[in-house]
Amino acid sequence: MAVKATEIKAGNAIIYEGQLCVVLSTEHVKPGKGPAYVQAKMKNVQTGTIKINRLNSSDKFEAADIDKRKMEYLYDAGGQG
């Protein structure tokens, strides 16, 4: 499903430049000169790098279909307990 750049919110997962990214924050910027754009801080899931990208308001991106589950990690604390 395609999502416009203006509809992207923090926590969304999108495909950006062929990579799965999670949006950390967004800001809609309307400069006095030139067109409006969306500035998005995104984290690449594979590499872990964080980048700030400037997106045109008319750009569309593919929304990633992911399942989020709350997990609990159970482990043995080295024979203690």
Foldseek 3Di string as FASTA:
>chain_A
DKDFQVRDAAQFWWQDPNFIKGWHHKDWDPDPDDHIWIWTWIAGPPPRDIDIDTGHRGDITGTDDDDDDDDDDDDDPPPDD
